Amino acid sequence: MSTADAPEAEVPDVPGPAPRILLIRAPYYRQIVDGMTDAAVLLLGRANATVETIDVAGAFELPQALAIALRGRTRYDGYVALGCVVRGETDHYEFICDSAMNGLMQVAIDYAAPLGTALLTVDTLAQAEARSAETGSNKGAEAASACLRQIALARRLGAA
């Protein structure tokens, strides 16, 4: 399924108290990440979630920030990670994408943390713009929806 075909992200039913979400952003491509942030915050607001936002230097730091947050004193019900990596002329792209995505998944698994991820890994800035636009399928909204679904699952299974 392409971005053009993707259905609009839905606000799932989350039982229990309004979720508290930490949104972790790597705003290296600020316009792209801001577009995903706006869509994520809008969707989370429709779920009555409270959202705190922090920024990190780049995509490579997203998993580290998630791990730090999970070890911190402040408790969140779920997490959303947003960023963008655009392919360049070196293998740096593959290294950063693999490390960041694998790191996010490993931390989420290790901590059983509800996580929605929109780390765009694209060939061109135009592809990133299409995935972060105000209209159409926005990956930030999709990540927020995924996070809420994971929170609902954790609550249903007694893991939250």
C-alpha atoms as a PDB file:
ATOM      1  CA  MET A   1       0.000   0.000   0.000  1.00  0.00           C
ATOM      2  CA  SER A   2       1.373   3.399  -0.893  1.00  0.00           C
ATOM      3  CA  THR A   3       0.951   6.589   1.092  1.00  0.00           C
ATOM      4  CA  ALA A   4      -1.579   7.780  -1.479  1.00  0.00           C
ATOM      5  CA  ASP A   5      -3.757   4.694  -0.841  1.00  0.00           C
ATOM      6  CA  ALA A   6      -3.461   4.626   2.949  1.00  0.00           C
ATOM      7  CA  PRO A   7      -6.629   5.166   4.955  1.00  0.00           C
ATOM      8  CA  GLU A   8      -6.785   8.130   7.304  1.00  0.00           C
ATOM      9  CA  ALA A   9      -5.520   7.319  10.790  1.00  0.00           C
ATOM     10  CA  GLU A  10      -8.280   6.540  13.265  1.00  0.00           C
ATOM     11  CA  VAL A  11      -8.666   7.407  16.920  1.00  0.00           C
ATOM     12  CA  PRO A  12      -9.056   4.037  18.649  1.00  0.00           C
ATOM     13  CA  ASP A  13     -11.086   3.542  21.803  1.00  0.00           C
ATOM     14  CA  VAL A  14      -8.717   3.545  24.776  1.00  0.00           C
ATOM     15  CA  PRO A  15     -10.346   2.317  27.985  1.00  0.00           C
ATOM     16  CA  GLY A  16      -9.506   3.904  31.304  1.00  0.00           C
ATOM     17  CA  PRO A  17      -8.098   7.326  32.061  1.00  0.00           C
ATOM     18  CA  ALA A  18      -6.976   9.714  29.347  1.00  0.00           C
ATOM     19  CA  PRO A  19      -3.539   8.612  28.118  1.00  0.00           C
ATOM     20  CA  ARG A  20      -0.413  10.586  28.886  1.00  0.00           C
ATOM     21  CA  ILE A  21       1.931  10.579  25.876  1.00  0.00           C
ATOM     22  CA  LEU A  22       5.555  11.587  25.411  1.00  0.00           C
ATOM     23  CA  LEU A  23       6.219  12.687  21.848  1.00  0.00           C
ATOM     24  CA  ILE A  24       9.933  12.445  21.010  1.00  0.00           C
ATOM     25  CA  ARG A  25      10.992  14.406  17.921  1.00  0.00           C
ATOM     26  CA  ALA A  26      14.146  14.542  15.858  1.00  0.00           C
ATOM     27  CA  PRO A  27      13.481  17.805  13.983  1.00  0.00           C
ATOM     28  CA  TYR A  28      16.489  17.742  11.654  1.00  0.00           C
ATOM     29  CA  TYR A  29      13.998  18.320   8.814  1.00  0.00           C
ATOM     30  CA  ARG A  30      11.874  20.733  10.824  1.00  0.00           C
ATOM     31  CA  GLN A  31       9.069  21.294   8.286  1.00  0.00           C
ATOM     32  CA  ILE A  32       8.583  17.549   7.855  1.00  0.00           C
ATOM     33  CA  VAL A  33       8.645  16.750  11.565  1.00  0.00           C
ATOM     34  CA  ASP A  34       6.432  19.741  12.393  1.00  0.00           C
ATOM     35  CA  GLY A  35       3.840  18.453   9.915  1.00  0.00           C
ATOM     36  CA  MET A  36       3.868  15.008  11.504  1.00  0.00           C
ATOM     37  CA  THR A  37       3.786  16.557  14.984  1.00  0.00           C
ATOM     38  CA  ASP A  38       0.729  18.656  14.162  1.00  0.00           C
ATOM     39  CA  ALA A  39      -1.149  15.603  12.874  1.00  0.00           C
ATOM     40  CA  ALA A  40      -0.105  13.439  15.832  1.00  0.00           C
ATOM     41  CA  VAL A  41      -1.092  16.067  18.406  1.00  0.00           C
ATOM     42  CA  LEU A  42      -4.438  16.612  16.670  1.00  0.00           C
ATOM     43  CA  LEU A  43      -5.231  12.892  16.718  1.00  0.00           C
ATOM     44  CA  LEU A  44      -4.058  12.481  20.314  1.00  0.00           C
ATOM     45  CA  GLY A  45      -6.174  15.472  21.314  1.00  0.00           C
ATOM     46  CA  ARG A  46      -9.228  13.763  19.839  1.00  0.00           C
ATOM     47  CA  ALA A  47      -8.456  10.877  22.237  1.00  0.00           C
ATOM     48  CA  ASN A  48      -8.269  13.380  25.146  1.00  0.00           C
ATOM     49  CA  ALA A  49      -4.613  12.490  25.627  1.00  0.00           C
ATOM     50  CA  THR A  50      -2.170  14.873  27.229  1.00  0.00           C
ATOM     51  CA  VAL A  51       1.040  15.292  25.271  1.00  0.00           C
ATOM     52  CA  GLU A  52       4.504  16.373  26.320  1.00  0.00           C
ATOM     53  CA  THR A  53       7.045  16.985  23.560  1.00  0.00           C
ATOM     54  CA  ILE A  54      10.820  16.767  23.653  1.00  0.00           C
ATOM     55  CA  ASP A  55      13.328  17.281  20.847  1.00  0.00           C
ATOM     56  CA  VAL A  56      16.573  15.393  20.274  1.00  0.00           C
ATOM     57  CA  ALA A  57      19.463  16.135  17.921  1.00  0.00           C
ATOM     58  CA  GLY A  58      18.612  13.570  15.244  1.00  0.00           C
ATOM     59  CA  ALA A  59      17.129  10.184  14.397  1.00  0.00           C
ATOM     60  CA  PHE A  60      20.085   8.366  15.933  1.00  0.00           C
ATOM     61  CA  GLU A  61      19.173   9.817  19.339  1.00  0.00           C
ATOM     62  CA  LEU A  62      15.499   8.748  19.273  1.00  0.00           C
ATOM     63  CA  PRO A  63      16.048   5.310  20.881  1.00  0.00           C
ATOM     64  CA  GLN A  64      18.364   6.789  23.489  1.00  0.00           C
ATOM     65  CA  ALA A  65      15.770   9.402  24.440  1.00  0.00           C
ATOM     66  CA  LEU A  66      13.068   6.740  24.662  1.00  0.00           C
ATOM     67  CA  ALA A  67      15.236   4.643  26.995  1.00  0.00           C
ATOM     68  CA  ILE A  68      16.063   7.674  29.134  1.00  0.00           C
ATOM     69  CA  ALA A  69      12.365   8.563  29.385  1.00  0.00           C
ATOM     70  CA  LEU A  70      11.453   5.031  30.375  1.00  0.00           C
ATOM     71  CA  ARG A  71      14.053   5.083  33.161  1.00  0.00           C
ATOM     72  CA  GLY A  72      12.921   8.503  34.378  1.00  0.00           C
ATOM     73  CA  ARG A  73      10.577   9.336  37.231  1.00  0.00           C
ATOM     74  CA  THR A  74       7.796  10.717  35.050  1.00  0.00           C
ATOM     75  CA  ARG A  75       5.419   8.001  33.848  1.00  0.00           C
ATOM     76  CA  TYR A  76       3.744   8.020  30.466  1.00  0.00           C
ATOM     77  CA  ASP A  77       1.179   5.621  29.068  1.00  0.00           C
ATOM     78  CA  GLY A  78       2.756   5.662  25.623  1.00  0.00           C
ATOM     79  CA  TYR A  79       5.351   7.170  23.349  1.00  0.00           C
ATOM     80  CA  VAL A  80       5.477   8.519  19.807  1.00  0.00           C
ATOM     81  CA  ALA A  81       8.804   8.874  17.976  1.00  0.00           C
ATOM     82  CA  LEU A  82       8.989  11.185  14.953  1.00  0.00           C
ATOM     83  CA  GLY A  83      11.855  11.915  12.580  1.00  0.00           C
ATOM     84  CA  CYS A  84      13.049  11.856   9.012  1.00  0.00           C
ATOM     85  CA  VAL A  85      16.148  10.547   7.266  1.00  0.00           C
ATOM     86  CA  VAL A  86      16.683  11.369   3.587  1.00  0.00           C
ATOM     87  CA  ARG A  87      19.018   9.182   1.541  1.00  0.00           C
ATOM     88  CA  GLY A  88      22.315  10.813   0.684  1.00  0.00           C
ATOM     89  CA  GLU A  89      25.369   9.787  -1.298  1.00  0.00           C
ATOM     90  CA  THR A  90      26.980   7.636   1.418  1.00  0.00           C
ATOM     91  CA  ASP A  91      26.066   4.568   3.473  1.00  0.00           C
ATOM     92  CA  HIS A  92      25.364   6.865   6.439  1.00  0.00           C
ATOM     93  CA  TYR A  93      21.652   6.617   5.512  1.00  0.00           C
ATOM     94  CA  GLU A  94      21.494   2.841   5.980  1.00  0.00           C
ATOM     95  CA  PHE A  95      23.452   2.985   9.216  1.00  0.00           C
ATOM     96  CA  ILE A  96      21.260   5.669  10.774  1.00  0.00           C
ATOM     97  CA  CYS A  97      17.970   4.127   9.583  1.00  0.00           C
ATOM     98  CA  ASP A  98      18.856   0.617  10.746  1.00  0.00           C
ATOM     99  CA  SER A  99      20.277   1.761  14.074  1.00  0.00           C
ATOM    100  CA  ALA A 100      17.399   4.098  14.887  1.00  0.00           C
ATOM    101  CA  MET A 101      14.596   1.720  13.904  1.00  0.00           C
ATOM    102  CA  ASN A 102      16.199  -1.322  15.539  1.00  0.00           C
ATOM    103  CA  GLY A 103      16.992   0.727  18.630  1.00  0.00           C
ATOM    104  CA  LEU A 104      13.420   1.991  18.961  1.00  0.00           C
ATOM    105  CA  MET A 105      12.010  -1.505  18.610  1.00  0.00           C
ATOM    106  CA  GLN A 106      14.496  -3.002  21.063  1.00  0.00           C
ATOM    107  CA  VAL A 107      13.771  -0.396  23.731  1.00  0.00           C
ATOM    108  CA  ALA A 108      10.007  -0.779  23.230  1.00  0.00           C
ATOM    109  CA  ILE A 109      10.294  -4.554  23.562  1.00  0.00           C
ATOM    110  CA  ASP A 110      12.663  -4.455  26.538  1.00  0.00           C
ATOM    111  CA  TYR A 111      10.334  -2.129  28.455  1.00  0.00           C
ATOM    112  CA  ALA A 112       7.021  -3.381  26.971  1.00  0.00           C
ATOM    113  CA  ALA A 113       6.400   0.266  26.097  1.00  0.00           C
ATOM    114  CA  PRO A 114       3.479   1.277  23.854  1.00  0.00           C
ATOM    115  CA  LEU A 115       5.252   3.021  20.967  1.00  0.00           C
ATOM    116  CA  GLY A 116       4.098   4.532  17.709  1.00  0.00           C
ATOM    117  CA  THR A 117       6.886   5.326  15.272  1.00  0.00           C
ATOM    118  CA  ALA A 118       7.031   7.629  12.291  1.00  0.00           C
ATOM    119  CA  LEU A 119      10.681   7.727  11.378  1.00  0.00           C
ATOM    120  CA  LEU A 120      10.480   8.480   7.690  1.00  0.00           C
ATOM    121  CA  THR A 121      13.242   6.785   5.700  1.00  0.00           C
ATOM    122  CA  VAL A 122      12.928   8.260   2.231  1.00  0.00           C
ATOM    123  CA  ASP A 123      14.889   8.798  -0.956  1.00  0.00           C
ATOM    124  CA  THR A 124      13.782  12.391  -1.483  1.00  0.00           C
ATOM    125  CA  LEU A 125      12.459  15.336   0.463  1.00  0.00           C
ATOM    126  CA  ALA A 126       9.354  15.274  -1.770  1.00  0.00           C
ATOM    127  CA  GLN A 127       8.553  11.778  -0.458  1.00  0.00           C
ATOM    128  CA  ALA A 128       8.848  13.061   3.104  1.00  0.00           C
ATOM    129  CA  GLU A 129       6.626  16.037   2.311  1.00  0.00           C
ATOM    130  CA  ALA A 130       3.938  13.703   0.938  1.00  0.00           C
ATOM    131  CA  ARG A 131       4.011  11.697   4.195  1.00  0.00           C
ATOM    132  CA  SER A 132       3.849  14.731   6.477  1.00  0.00           C
ATOM    133  CA  ALA A 133       1.349  16.950   4.647  1.00  0.00           C
ATOM    134  CA  GLU A 134      -1.724  18.385   6.308  1.00  0.00           C
ATOM    135  CA  THR A 135      -3.991  16.560   3.873  1.00  0.00           C
ATOM    136  CA  GLY A 136      -3.801  12.895   2.949  1.00  0.00           C
ATOM    137  CA  SER A 137      -2.056  10.138   4.836  1.00  0.00           C
ATOM    138  CA  ASN A 138       0.147  11.646   7.517  1.00  0.00           C
ATOM    139  CA  LYS A 139       2.609   9.300   9.184  1.00  0.00           C
ATOM    140  CA  GLY A 140       2.561  11.315  12.415  1.00  0.00           C
ATOM    141  CA  ALA A 141      -1.162  10.655  12.796  1.00  0.00           C
ATOM    142  CA  GLU A 142      -0.565   6.979  11.977  1.00  0.00           C
ATOM    143  CA  ALA A 143       2.114   6.757  14.678  1.00  0.00           C
ATOM    144  CA  ALA A 144      -0.180   8.412  17.222  1.00  0.00           C
ATOM    145  CA  SER A 145      -2.978   5.978  16.352  1.00  0.00           C
ATOM    146  CA  ALA A 146      -0.580   3.030  16.680  1.00  0.00           C
ATOM    147  CA  CYS A 147       0.548   4.275  20.091  1.00  0.00           C
ATOM    148  CA  LEU A 148      -3.050   4.543  21.315  1.00  0.00           C
ATOM    149  CA  ARG A 149      -3.816   1.049  20.025  1.00  0.00           C
ATOM    150  CA  GLN A 150      -0.827  -0.328  21.937  1.00  0.00           C
ATOM    151  CA  ILE A 151      -1.953   1.462  25.112  1.00  0.00           C
ATOM    152  CA  ALA A 152      -5.431  -0.039  24.709  1.00  0.00           C
ATOM    153  CA  LEU A 153      -3.860  -3.478  24.224  1.00  0.00           C
ATOM    154  CA  ALA A 154      -1.637  -3.101  27.290  1.00  0.00           C
ATOM    155  CA  ARG A 155      -4.618  -2.052  29.407  1.00  0.00           C
ATOM    156  CA  ARG A 156      -6.758  -4.895  28.080  1.00  0.00           C
ATOM    157  CA  LEU A 157      -4.057  -7.465  28.881  1.00  0.00           C
ATOM    158  CA  GLY A 158      -3.294  -5.977  32.293  1.00  0.00           C
ATOM    159  CA  ALA A 159       0.182  -4.863  31.309  1.00  0.00           C
ATOM    160  CA  ALA A 160      -0.445  -1.167  31.963  1.00  0.00           C
END
